[in-house]
Amino acid sequence: MRITAKGQVTIPVAIREKAGLLPHTEVEFELDGEGVRIVKVEAPRAESRGHRIVRQMWRKAPGRMSTDEIMALMRDDWRDEDEGSR
Protein backbone atom coordinates (compact mmCIF):
# COMPACT_ATOMS: atom_id res chain seq x y z
CA MET A 1 0.00 0.00 0.00
CA ARG A 2 1.29 3.44 -0.87
CA ILE A 3 0.57 6.91 0.52
CA THR A 4 -0.50 9.40 -2.17
CA ALA A 5 1.10 12.80 -2.72
CA LYS A 6 -1.80 14.27 -0.72
CA GLY A 7 -1.03 11.99 2.25
CA GLN A 8 -4.01 9.71 1.60
CA VAL A 9 -4.20 5.95 1.91
CA THR A 10 -7.06 3.57 1.17
CA ILE A 11 -8.12 1.41 4.11
CA PRO A 12 -9.05 -2.06 2.81
CA VAL A 13 -12.78 -2.86 2.89
CA ALA A 14 -12.37 -5.85 5.23
CA ILE A 15 -10.59 -3.68 7.82
CA ARG A 16 -13.09 -0.80 7.48
CA GLU A 17 -16.02 -3.19 7.97
CA LYS A 18 -14.46 -4.96 10.95
CA ALA A 19 -13.59 -1.63 12.61
CA GLY A 20 -16.95 -0.03 11.80
CA LEU A 21 -15.36 2.77 9.77
CA LEU A 22 -18.17 4.11 7.62
CA PRO A 23 -17.92 7.09 5.25
CA HIS A 24 -17.54 10.38 7.16
CA THR A 25 -16.38 8.58 10.34
CA GLU A 26 -14.00 10.77 12.34
CA VAL A 27 -10.65 9.13 13.14
CA GLU A 28 -7.48 10.11 14.95
CA PHE A 29 -3.95 8.93 14.37
CA GLU A 30 -1.82 7.82 17.31
CA LEU A 31 1.87 7.08 17.31
CA ASP A 32 2.90 4.07 19.34
CA GLY A 33 6.38 2.61 19.68
CA GLU A 34 5.93 0.37 16.63
CA GLY A 35 4.00 2.54 14.16
CA VAL A 36 0.78 4.46 13.64
CA ARG A 37 -2.70 3.49 14.84
CA ILE A 38 -6.00 4.76 13.45
CA VAL A 39 -8.57 5.20 16.22
CA LYS A 40 -12.27 5.82 15.65
CA VAL A 41 -13.47 8.97 17.44
CA GLU A 42 -16.76 8.57 19.25
CA ALA A 43 -18.81 11.67 18.47
CA PRO A 44 -20.73 13.17 21.37
CA ARG A 45 -24.44 12.67 20.88
CA ALA A 46 -26.82 15.57 21.06
CA GLU A 47 -29.15 15.47 24.02
CA SER A 48 -32.55 14.13 23.00
CA ARG A 49 -35.81 15.77 24.03
CA GLY A 50 -36.51 12.85 26.38
CA HIS A 51 -33.13 13.14 28.10
CA ARG A 52 -33.59 16.90 28.45
CA ILE A 53 -37.03 16.44 30.07
CA VAL A 54 -35.72 13.81 32.49
CA ARG A 55 -32.73 16.01 33.39
CA GLN A 56 -35.00 18.99 34.04
CA MET A 57 -37.45 16.96 36.13
CA TRP A 58 -34.86 14.94 38.03
CA ARG A 59 -35.64 15.02 41.76
CA LYS A 60 -38.34 17.69 41.29
CA ALA A 61 -41.41 15.47 41.31
CA PRO A 62 -43.45 15.95 44.49
CA GLY A 63 -43.70 12.54 46.14
CA ARG A 64 -45.33 9.69 44.29
CA MET A 65 -46.94 10.54 40.98
CA SER A 66 -49.14 8.48 38.73
CA THR A 67 -48.19 7.85 35.12
CA ASP A 68 -50.97 10.21 34.03
CA GLU A 69 -49.58 13.00 36.23
CA ILE A 70 -46.08 12.50 34.87
CA MET A 71 -47.37 12.52 31.29
CA ALA A 72 -49.29 15.73 31.96
CA LEU A 73 -46.09 17.39 33.24
CA MET A 74 -44.18 16.23 30.17
CA ARG A 75 -46.90 17.47 27.83
CA ASP A 76 -46.91 20.88 29.51
CA ASP A 77 -43.11 21.08 29.17
CA TRP A 78 -43.37 20.13 25.51
CA ARG A 79 -46.04 22.76 24.86
CA ASP A 80 -43.88 25.43 26.52
CA GLU A 81 -40.91 24.49 24.31
CA ASP A 82 -43.08 24.40 21.19
CA GLU A 83 -44.55 27.86 21.88
CA GLY A 84 -41.10 29.31 22.53
CA SER A 85 -39.85 28.26 19.10
CA ARG A 86 -42.55 30.21 17.24
PDB file of N, CA and C in Angstrom:
ATOM      1  N   MET A   1       0.848  -1.156   0.000  1.00  0.00           N
ATOM      2  CA  MET A   1       0.000   0.000   0.000  1.00  0.00           C
ATOM      3  C   MET A   1       0.898   1.224   0.000  1.00  0.00           C
ATOM      4  N   ARG A   2       0.472   2.251  -0.716  1.00  0.00           N
ATOM      5  CA  ARG A   2       1.293   3.440  -0.865  1.00  0.00           C
ATOM      6  C   ARG A   2       0.499   4.683  -0.469  1.00  0.00           C
ATOM      7  N   ILE A   3       1.174   5.638   0.166  1.00  0.00           N
ATOM      8  CA  ILE A   3       0.566   6.915   0.519  1.00  0.00           C
ATOM      9  C   ILE A   3       0.651   7.827  -0.700  1.00  0.00           C
ATOM     10  N   THR A   4      -0.479   8.501  -1.018  1.00  0.00           N
ATOM     11  CA  THR A   4      -0.504   9.398  -2.169  1.00  0.00           C
ATOM     12  C   THR A   4       0.248  10.687  -1.859  1.00  0.00           C
ATOM     13  N   ALA A   5       0.435  11.516  -2.887  1.00  0.00           N
ATOM     14  CA  ALA A   5       1.102  12.802  -2.719  1.00  0.00           C
ATOM     15  C   ALA A   5       0.333  13.704  -1.763  1.00  0.00           C
ATOM     16  N   LYS A   6      -0.982  13.487  -1.645  1.00  0.00           N
ATOM     17  CA  LYS A   6      -1.803  14.268  -0.723  1.00  0.00           C
ATOM     18  C   LYS A   6      -1.814  13.685   0.687  1.00  0.00           C
ATOM     19  N   GLY A   7      -1.081  12.605   0.932  1.00  0.00           N
ATOM     20  CA  GLY A   7      -1.033  11.989   2.250  1.00  0.00           C
ATOM     21  C   GLY A   7      -2.184  11.034   2.512  1.00  0.00           C
ATOM     22  N   GLN A   8      -2.849  10.595   1.450  1.00  0.00           N
ATOM     23  CA  GLN A   8      -4.005   9.714   1.600  1.00  0.00           C
ATOM     24  C   GLN A   8      -3.609   8.260   1.406  1.00  0.00           C
ATOM     25  N   VAL A   9      -4.380   7.390   2.058  1.00  0.00           N
ATOM     26  CA  VAL A   9      -4.201   5.953   1.910  1.00  0.00           C
ATOM     27  C   VAL A   9      -5.590   5.320   1.943  1.00  0.00           C
ATOM     28  N   THR A  10      -5.783   4.261   1.185  1.00  0.00           N
ATOM     29  CA  THR A  10      -7.064   3.567   1.172  1.00  0.00           C
ATOM     30  C   THR A  10      -7.029   2.447   2.196  1.00  0.00           C
ATOM     31  N   ILE A  11      -8.000   2.475   3.103  1.00  0.00           N
ATOM     32  CA  ILE A  11      -8.116   1.413   4.107  1.00  0.00           C
ATOM     33  C   ILE A  11      -8.893   0.277   3.449  1.00  0.00           C
ATOM     34  N   PRO A  12      -8.354  -0.935   3.444  1.00  0.00           N
ATOM     35  CA  PRO A  12      -9.049  -2.055   2.808  1.00  0.00           C
ATOM     36  C   PRO A  12     -10.452  -2.270   3.384  1.00  0.00           C
ATOM     37  N   VAL A  13     -11.375  -2.676   2.520  1.00  0.00           N
ATOM     38  CA  VAL A  13     -12.776  -2.864   2.886  1.00  0.00           C
ATOM     39  C   VAL A  13     -12.926  -3.775   4.099  1.00  0.00           C
ATOM     40  N   ALA A  14     -12.238  -4.902   4.125  1.00  0.00           N
ATOM     41  CA  ALA A  14     -12.373  -5.852   5.233  1.00  0.00           C
ATOM     42  C   ALA A  14     -12.022  -5.197   6.568  1.00  0.00           C
ATOM     43  N   ILE A  15     -10.998  -4.362   6.584  1.00  0.00           N
ATOM     44  CA  ILE A  15     -10.591  -3.679   7.817  1.00  0.00           C
ATOM     45  C   ILE A  15     -11.613  -2.613   8.191  1.00  0.00           C
ATOM     46  N   ARG A  16     -12.071  -1.829   7.201  1.00  0.00           N
ATOM     47  CA  ARG A  16     -13.092  -0.803   7.482  1.00  0.00           C
ATOM     48  C   ARG A  16     -14.342  -1.424   8.069  1.00  0.00           C
ATOM     49  N   GLU A  17     -14.800  -2.526   7.483  1.00  0.00           N
ATOM     50  CA  GLU A  17     -16.016  -3.188   7.968  1.00  0.00           C
ATOM     51  C   GLU A  17     -15.829  -3.726   9.379  1.00  0.00           C
ATOM     52  N   LYS A  18     -14.705  -4.373   9.622  1.00  0.00           N
ATOM     53  CA  LYS A  18     -14.462  -4.955  10.946  1.00  0.00           C
ATOM     54  C   LYS A  18     -14.338  -3.873  12.021  1.00  0.00           C
ATOM     55  N   ALA A  19     -13.777  -2.718  11.651  1.00  0.00           N
ATOM     56  CA  ALA A  19     -13.586  -1.628  12.611  1.00  0.00           C
ATOM     57  C   ALA A  19     -14.794  -0.695  12.677  1.00  0.00           C
ATOM     58  N   GLY A  20     -15.773  -0.894  11.798  1.00  0.00           N
ATOM     59  CA  GLY A  20     -16.951  -0.029  11.797  1.00  0.00           C
ATOM     60  C   GLY A  20     -16.662   1.369  11.276  1.00  0.00           C
ATOM     61  N   LEU A  21     -15.732   1.475  10.337  1.00  0.00           N
ATOM     62  CA  LEU A  21     -15.364   2.774   9.773  1.00  0.00           C
ATOM     63  C   LEU A  21     -16.193   3.035   8.525  1.00  0.00           C
ATOM     64  N   LEU A  22     -17.272   3.769   8.704  1.00  0.00           N
ATOM     65  CA  LEU A  22     -18.169   4.109   7.616  1.00  0.00           C
ATOM     66  C   LEU A  22     -17.733   5.437   7.003  1.00  0.00           C
ATOM     67  N   PRO A  23     -18.251   5.780   5.813  1.00  0.00           N
ATOM     68  CA  PRO A  23     -17.924   7.094   5.245  1.00  0.00           C
ATOM     69  C   PRO A  23     -18.263   8.206   6.230  1.00  0.00           C
ATOM     70  N   HIS A  24     -17.404   9.199   6.299  1.00  0.00           N
ATOM     71  CA  HIS A  24     -17.535  10.377   7.162  1.00  0.00           C
ATOM     72  C   HIS A  24     -17.275  10.082   8.635  1.00  0.00           C
ATOM     73  N   THR A  25     -16.761   8.901   8.963  1.00  0.00           N
ATOM     74  CA  THR A  25     -16.380   8.581  10.337  1.00  0.00           C
ATOM     75  C   THR A  25     -15.137   9.381  10.700  1.00  0.00           C
ATOM     76  N   GLU A  26     -15.160  10.020  11.853  1.00  0.00           N
ATOM     77  CA  GLU A  26     -13.998  10.765  12.335  1.00  0.00           C
ATOM     78  C   GLU A  26     -12.991   9.784  12.942  1.00  0.00           C
ATOM     79  N   VAL A  27     -11.716   9.965  12.597  1.00  0.00           N
ATOM     80  CA  VAL A  27     -10.648   9.130  13.139  1.00  0.00           C
ATOM     81  C   VAL A  27      -9.507  10.012  13.624  1.00  0.00           C
ATOM     82  N   GLU A  28      -8.703   9.458  14.490  1.00  0.00           N
ATOM     83  CA  GLU A  28      -7.482  10.110  14.954  1.00  0.00           C
ATOM     84  C   GLU A  28      -6.318   9.162  14.698  1.00  0.00           C
ATOM     85  N   PHE A  29      -5.150   9.724  14.560  1.00  0.00           N
ATOM     86  CA  PHE A  29      -3.948   8.934  14.373  1.00  0.00           C
ATOM     87  C   PHE A  29      -3.113   9.027  15.632  1.00  0.00           C
ATOM     88  N   GLU A  30      -2.653   7.872  16.102  1.00  0.00           N
ATOM     89  CA  GLU A  30      -1.825   7.816  17.308  1.00  0.00           C
ATOM     90  C   GLU A  30      -0.515   7.126  16.974  1.00  0.00           C
ATOM     91  N   LEU A  31       0.561   7.699  17.472  1.00  0.00           N
ATOM     92  CA  LEU A  31       1.871   7.076  17.312  1.00  0.00           C
ATOM     93  C   LEU A  31       2.116   6.179  18.516  1.00  0.00           C
ATOM     94  N   ASP A  32       2.468   4.931  18.249  1.00  0.00           N
ATOM     95  CA  ASP A  32       2.904   4.074  19.341  1.00  0.00           C
ATOM     96  C   ASP A  32       4.349   3.688  19.034  1.00  0.00           C
ATOM     97  N   GLY A  33       4.967   2.939  19.862  1.00  0.00           N
ATOM     98  CA  GLY A  33       6.375   2.612  19.682  1.00  0.00           C
ATOM     99  C   GLY A  33       6.683   1.881  18.387  1.00  0.00           C
ATOM    100  N   GLU A  34       5.708   1.196  17.812  1.00  0.00           N
ATOM    101  CA  GLU A  34       5.930   0.365  16.630  1.00  0.00           C
ATOM    102  C   GLU A  34       5.460   1.007  15.330  1.00  0.00           C
ATOM    103  N   GLY A  35       4.539   1.972  15.386  1.00  0.00           N
ATOM    104  CA  GLY A  35       4.003   2.541  14.163  1.00  0.00           C
ATOM    105  C   GLY A  35       2.873   3.514  14.456  1.00  0.00           C
ATOM    106  N   VAL A  36       1.899   3.532  13.552  1.00  0.00           N
ATOM    107  CA  VAL A  36       0.776   4.460  13.644  1.00  0.00           C
ATOM    108  C   VAL A  36      -0.515   3.658  13.783  1.00  0.00           C
ATOM    109  N   ARG A  37      -1.387   4.120  14.668  1.00  0.00           N
ATOM    110  CA  ARG A  37      -2.701   3.486  14.839  1.00  0.00           C
ATOM    111  C   ARG A  37      -3.785   4.468  14.419  1.00  0.00           C
ATOM    112  N   ILE A  38      -4.829   3.958  13.779  1.00  0.00           N
ATOM    113  CA  ILE A  38      -6.001   4.759  13.452  1.00  0.00           C
ATOM    114  C   ILE A  38      -7.058   4.403  14.478  1.00  0.00           C
ATOM    115  N   VAL A  39      -7.592   5.420  15.159  1.00  0.00           N
ATOM    116  CA  VAL A  39      -8.566   5.204  16.219  1.00  0.00           C
ATOM    117  C   VAL A  39      -9.851   5.942  15.862  1.00  0.00           C
ATOM    118  N   LYS A  40     -10.962   5.229  15.915  1.00  0.00           N
ATOM    119  CA  LYS A  40     -12.269   5.822  15.651  1.00  0.00           C
ATOM    120  C   LYS A  40     -12.628   6.766  16.790  1.00  0.00           C
ATOM    121  N   VAL A  41     -13.072   7.981  16.450  1.00  0.00           N
ATOM    122  CA  VAL A  41     -13.472   8.970  17.435  1.00  0.00           C
ATOM    123  C   VAL A  41     -14.967   8.830  17.667  1.00  0.00           C
ATOM    124  N   GLU A  42     -15.347   8.663  18.917  1.00  0.00           N
ATOM    125  CA  GLU A  42     -16.761   8.570  19.251  1.00  0.00           C
ATOM    126  C   GLU A  42     -17.305   9.982  19.358  1.00  0.00           C
ATOM    127  N   ALA A  43     -18.219  10.336  18.475  1.00  0.00           N
ATOM    128  CA  ALA A  43     -18.808  11.673  18.472  1.00  0.00           C
ATOM    129  C   ALA A  43     -19.782  11.813  19.631  1.00  0.00           C
ATOM    130  N   PRO A  44     -19.749  12.950  20.308  1.00  0.00           N
ATOM    131  CA  PRO A  44     -20.732  13.168  21.369  1.00  0.00           C
ATOM    132  C   PRO A  44     -22.122  13.269  20.761  1.00  0.00           C
ATOM    133  N   ARG A  45     -23.072  12.643  21.386  1.00  0.00           N
ATOM    134  CA  ARG A  45     -24.441  12.670  20.882  1.00  0.00           C
ATOM    135  C   ARG A  45     -25.181  13.872  21.450  1.00  0.00           C
ATOM    136  N   ALA A  46     -25.996  14.450  20.609  1.00  0.00           N
ATOM    137  CA  ALA A  46     -26.818  15.573  21.061  1.00  0.00           C
ATOM    138  C   ALA A  46     -27.856  15.048  22.055  1.00  0.00           C
ATOM    139  N   GLU A  47     -28.168  15.867  23.013  1.00  0.00           N
ATOM    140  CA  GLU A  47     -29.148  15.474  24.021  1.00  0.00           C
ATOM    141  C   GLU A  47     -30.530  15.402  23.375  1.00  0.00           C
ATOM    142  N   SER A  48     -31.210  14.288  23.559  1.00  0.00           N
ATOM    143  CA  SER A  48     -32.548  14.125  23.004  1.00  0.00           C
ATOM    144  C   SER A  48     -33.563  14.882  23.861  1.00  0.00           C
ATOM    145  N   ARG A  49     -34.738  15.099  23.301  1.00  0.00           N
ATOM    146  CA  ARG A  49     -35.811  15.767  24.032  1.00  0.00           C
ATOM    147  C   ARG A  49     -36.142  15.005  25.314  1.00  0.00           C
ATOM    148  N   GLY A  50     -36.207  13.679  25.216  1.00  0.00           N
ATOM    149  CA  GLY A  50     -36.512  12.852  26.377  1.00  0.00           C
ATOM    150  C   GLY A  50     -35.473  12.994  27.474  1.00  0.00           C
ATOM    151  N   HIS A  51     -34.180  12.973  27.100  1.00  0.00           N
ATOM    152  CA  HIS A  51     -33.131  13.143  28.097  1.00  0.00           C
ATOM    153  C   HIS A  51     -33.204  14.528  28.736  1.00  0.00           C
ATOM    154  N   ARG A  52     -33.489  15.546  27.924  1.00  0.00           N
ATOM    155  CA  ARG A  52     -33.589  16.899  28.451  1.00  0.00           C
ATOM    156  C   ARG A  52     -34.722  17.003  29.466  1.00  0.00           C
ATOM    157  N   ILE A  53     -35.880  16.401  29.150  1.00  0.00           N
ATOM    158  CA  ILE A  53     -37.025  16.439  30.071  1.00  0.00           C
ATOM    159  C   ILE A  53     -36.683  15.730  31.378  1.00  0.00           C
ATOM    160  N   VAL A  54     -36.076  14.563  31.276  1.00  0.00           N
ATOM    161  CA  VAL A  54     -35.720  13.814  32.485  1.00  0.00           C
ATOM    162  C   VAL A  54     -34.718  14.611  33.308  1.00  0.00           C
ATOM    163  N   ARG A  55     -33.717  15.213  32.660  1.00  0.00           N
ATOM    164  CA  ARG A  55     -32.725  16.006  33.389  1.00  0.00           C
ATOM    165  C   ARG A  55     -33.397  17.177  34.113  1.00  0.00           C
ATOM    166  N   GLN A  56     -34.329  17.855  33.422  1.00  0.00           N
ATOM    167  CA  GLN A  56     -35.002  18.994  34.037  1.00  0.00           C
ATOM    168  C   GLN A  56     -35.908  18.577  35.197  1.00  0.00           C
ATOM    169  N   MET A  57     -36.502  17.414  35.103  1.00  0.00           N
ATOM    170  CA  MET A  57     -37.449  16.963  36.130  1.00  0.00           C
ATOM    171  C   MET A  57     -36.784  16.167  37.250  1.00  0.00           C
ATOM    172  N   TRP A  58     -35.532  15.800  37.066  1.00  0.00           N
ATOM    173  CA  TRP A  58     -34.857  14.939  38.027  1.00  0.00           C
ATOM    174  C   TRP A  58     -34.952  15.496  39.441  1.00  0.00           C
ATOM    175  N   ARG A  59     -35.482  14.708  40.328  1.00  0.00           N
ATOM    176  CA  ARG A  59     -35.638  15.015  41.756  1.00  0.00           C
ATOM    177  C   ARG A  59     -36.571  16.200  42.024  1.00  0.00           C
ATOM    178  N   LYS A  60     -37.414  16.583  41.077  1.00  0.00           N
ATOM    179  CA  LYS A  60     -38.339  17.687  41.285  1.00  0.00           C
ATOM    180  C   LYS A  60     -39.776  17.216  41.478  1.00  0.00           C
ATOM    181  N   ALA A  61     -40.041  15.970  41.205  1.00  0.00           N
ATOM    182  CA  ALA A  61     -41.411  15.466  41.314  1.00  0.00           C
ATOM    183  C   ALA A  61     -41.812  15.422  42.787  1.00  0.00           C
ATOM    184  N   PRO A  62     -43.000  15.949  43.106  1.00  0.00           N
ATOM    185  CA  PRO A  62     -43.449  15.952  44.494  1.00  0.00           C
ATOM    186  C   PRO A  62     -43.996  14.584  44.895  1.00  0.00           C
ATOM    187  N   GLY A  63     -43.231  13.840  45.648  1.00  0.00           N
ATOM    188  CA  GLY A  63     -43.698  12.539  46.145  1.00  0.00           C
ATOM    189  C   GLY A  63     -43.995  11.550  45.033  1.00  0.00           C
ATOM    190  N   ARG A  64     -44.963  10.714  45.274  1.00  0.00           N
ATOM    191  CA  ARG A  64     -45.335   9.691  44.293  1.00  0.00           C
ATOM    192  C   ARG A  64     -46.318  10.282  43.296  1.00  0.00           C
ATOM    193  N   MET A  65     -46.060  10.031  42.039  1.00  0.00           N
ATOM    194  CA  MET A  65     -46.937  10.542  40.982  1.00  0.00           C
ATOM    195  C   MET A  65     -47.411   9.377  40.127  1.00  0.00           C
ATOM    196  N   SER A  66     -48.618   9.499  39.641  1.00  0.00           N
ATOM    197  CA  SER A  66     -49.142   8.482  38.727  1.00  0.00           C
ATOM    198  C   SER A  66     -48.557   8.718  37.340  1.00  0.00           C
ATOM    199  N   THR A  67     -48.659   7.720  36.497  1.00  0.00           N
ATOM    200  CA  THR A  67     -48.188   7.853  35.119  1.00  0.00           C
ATOM    201  C   THR A  67     -48.904   8.999  34.416  1.00  0.00           C
ATOM    202  N   ASP A  68     -50.208   9.132  34.651  1.00  0.00           N
ATOM    203  CA  ASP A  68     -50.975  10.209  34.031  1.00  0.00           C
ATOM    204  C   ASP A  68     -50.456  11.586  34.467  1.00  0.00           C
ATOM    205  N   GLU A  69     -50.101  11.721  35.738  1.00  0.00           N
ATOM    206  CA  GLU A  69     -49.579  13.002  36.229  1.00  0.00           C
ATOM    207  C   GLU A  69     -48.220  13.318  35.603  1.00  0.00           C
ATOM    208  N   ILE A  70     -47.393  12.307  35.488  1.00  0.00           N
ATOM    209  CA  ILE A  70     -46.077  12.501  34.866  1.00  0.00           C
ATOM    210  C   ILE A  70     -46.239  12.893  33.398  1.00  0.00           C
ATOM    211  N   MET A  71     -47.130  12.205  32.700  1.00  0.00           N
ATOM    212  CA  MET A  71     -47.367  12.517  31.290  1.00  0.00           C
ATOM    213  C   MET A  71     -47.901  13.934  31.129  1.00  0.00           C
ATOM    214  N   ALA A  72     -48.754  14.372  32.031  1.00  0.00           N
ATOM    215  CA  ALA A  72     -49.289  15.732  31.960  1.00  0.00           C
ATOM    216  C   ALA A  72     -48.162  16.753  32.131  1.00  0.00           C
ATOM    217  N   LEU A  73     -47.242  16.500  33.061  1.00  0.00           N
ATOM    218  CA  LEU A  73     -46.093  17.390  33.241  1.00  0.00           C
ATOM    219  C   LEU A  73     -45.241  17.439  31.982  1.00  0.00           C
ATOM    220  N   MET A  74     -44.988  16.285  31.386  1.00  0.00           N
ATOM    221  CA  MET A  74     -44.180  16.226  30.171  1.00  0.00           C
ATOM    222  C   MET A  74     -44.871  16.951  29.027  1.00  0.00           C
ATOM    223  N   ARG A  75     -46.168  16.800  28.911  1.00  0.00           N
ATOM    224  CA  ARG A  75     -46.897  17.473  27.833  1.00  0.00           C
ATOM    225  C   ARG A  75     -46.842  18.984  28.026  1.00  0.00           C
ATOM    226  N   ASP A  76     -46.993  19.448  29.247  1.00  0.00           N
ATOM    227  CA  ASP A  76     -46.912  20.883  29.515  1.00  0.00           C
ATOM    228  C   ASP A  76     -45.532  21.418  29.145  1.00  0.00           C
ATOM    229  N   ASP A  77     -44.479  20.679  29.494  1.00  0.00           N
ATOM    230  CA  ASP A  77     -43.112  21.081  29.174  1.00  0.00           C
ATOM    231  C   ASP A  77     -42.933  21.146  27.663  1.00  0.00           C
ATOM    232  N   TRP A  78     -43.481  20.177  26.963  1.00  0.00           N
ATOM    233  CA  TRP A  78     -43.373  20.126  25.506  1.00  0.00           C
ATOM    234  C   TRP A  78     -44.101  21.308  24.883  1.00  0.00           C
ATOM    235  N   ARG A  79     -45.270  21.629  25.394  1.00  0.00           N
ATOM    236  CA  ARG A  79     -46.041  22.762  24.856  1.00  0.00           C
ATOM    237  C   ARG A  79     -45.277  24.066  25.064  1.00  0.00           C
ATOM    238  N   ASP A  80     -44.657  24.225  26.238  1.00  0.00           N
ATOM    239  CA  ASP A  80     -43.883  25.434  26.519  1.00  0.00           C
ATOM    240  C   ASP A  80     -42.731  25.575  25.529  1.00  0.00           C
ATOM    241  N   GLU A  81     -42.008  24.477  25.257  1.00  0.00           N
ATOM    242  CA  GLU A  81     -40.906  24.492  24.306  1.00  0.00           C
ATOM    243  C   GLU A  81     -41.399  24.819  22.907  1.00  0.00           C
ATOM    244  N   ASP A  82     -42.519  24.222  22.522  1.00  0.00           N
ATOM    245  CA  ASP A  82     -43.080  24.402  21.188  1.00  0.00           C
ATOM    246  C   ASP A  82     -43.498  25.853  20.976  1.00  0.00           C
ATOM    247  N   GLU A  83     -44.111  26.464  21.992  1.00  0.00           N
ATOM    248  CA  GLU A  83     -44.552  27.858  21.878  1.00  0.00           C
ATOM    249  C   GLU A  83     -43.355  28.810  21.843  1.00  0.00           C
ATOM    250  N   GLY A  84     -42.293  28.457  22.521  1.00  0.00           N
ATOM    251  CA  GLY A  84     -41.104  29.306  22.530  1.00  0.00           C
ATOM    252  C   GLY A  84     -40.371  29.312  21.202  1.00  0.00           C
ATOM    253  N   SER A  85     -40.571  28.326  20.368  1.00  0.00           N
ATOM    254  CA  SER A  85     -39.855  28.255  19.096  1.00  0.00           C
ATOM    255  C   SER A  85     -40.597  28.975  17.981  1.00  0.00           C
ATOM    256  N   ARG A  86     -41.763  29.523  18.276  1.00  0.00           N
ATOM    257  CA  ARG A  86     -42.546  30.212  17.238  1.00  0.00           C
ATOM    258  C   ARG A  86     -42.161  31.669  17.141  1.00  0.00           C
TER     259      ARG A  86
END
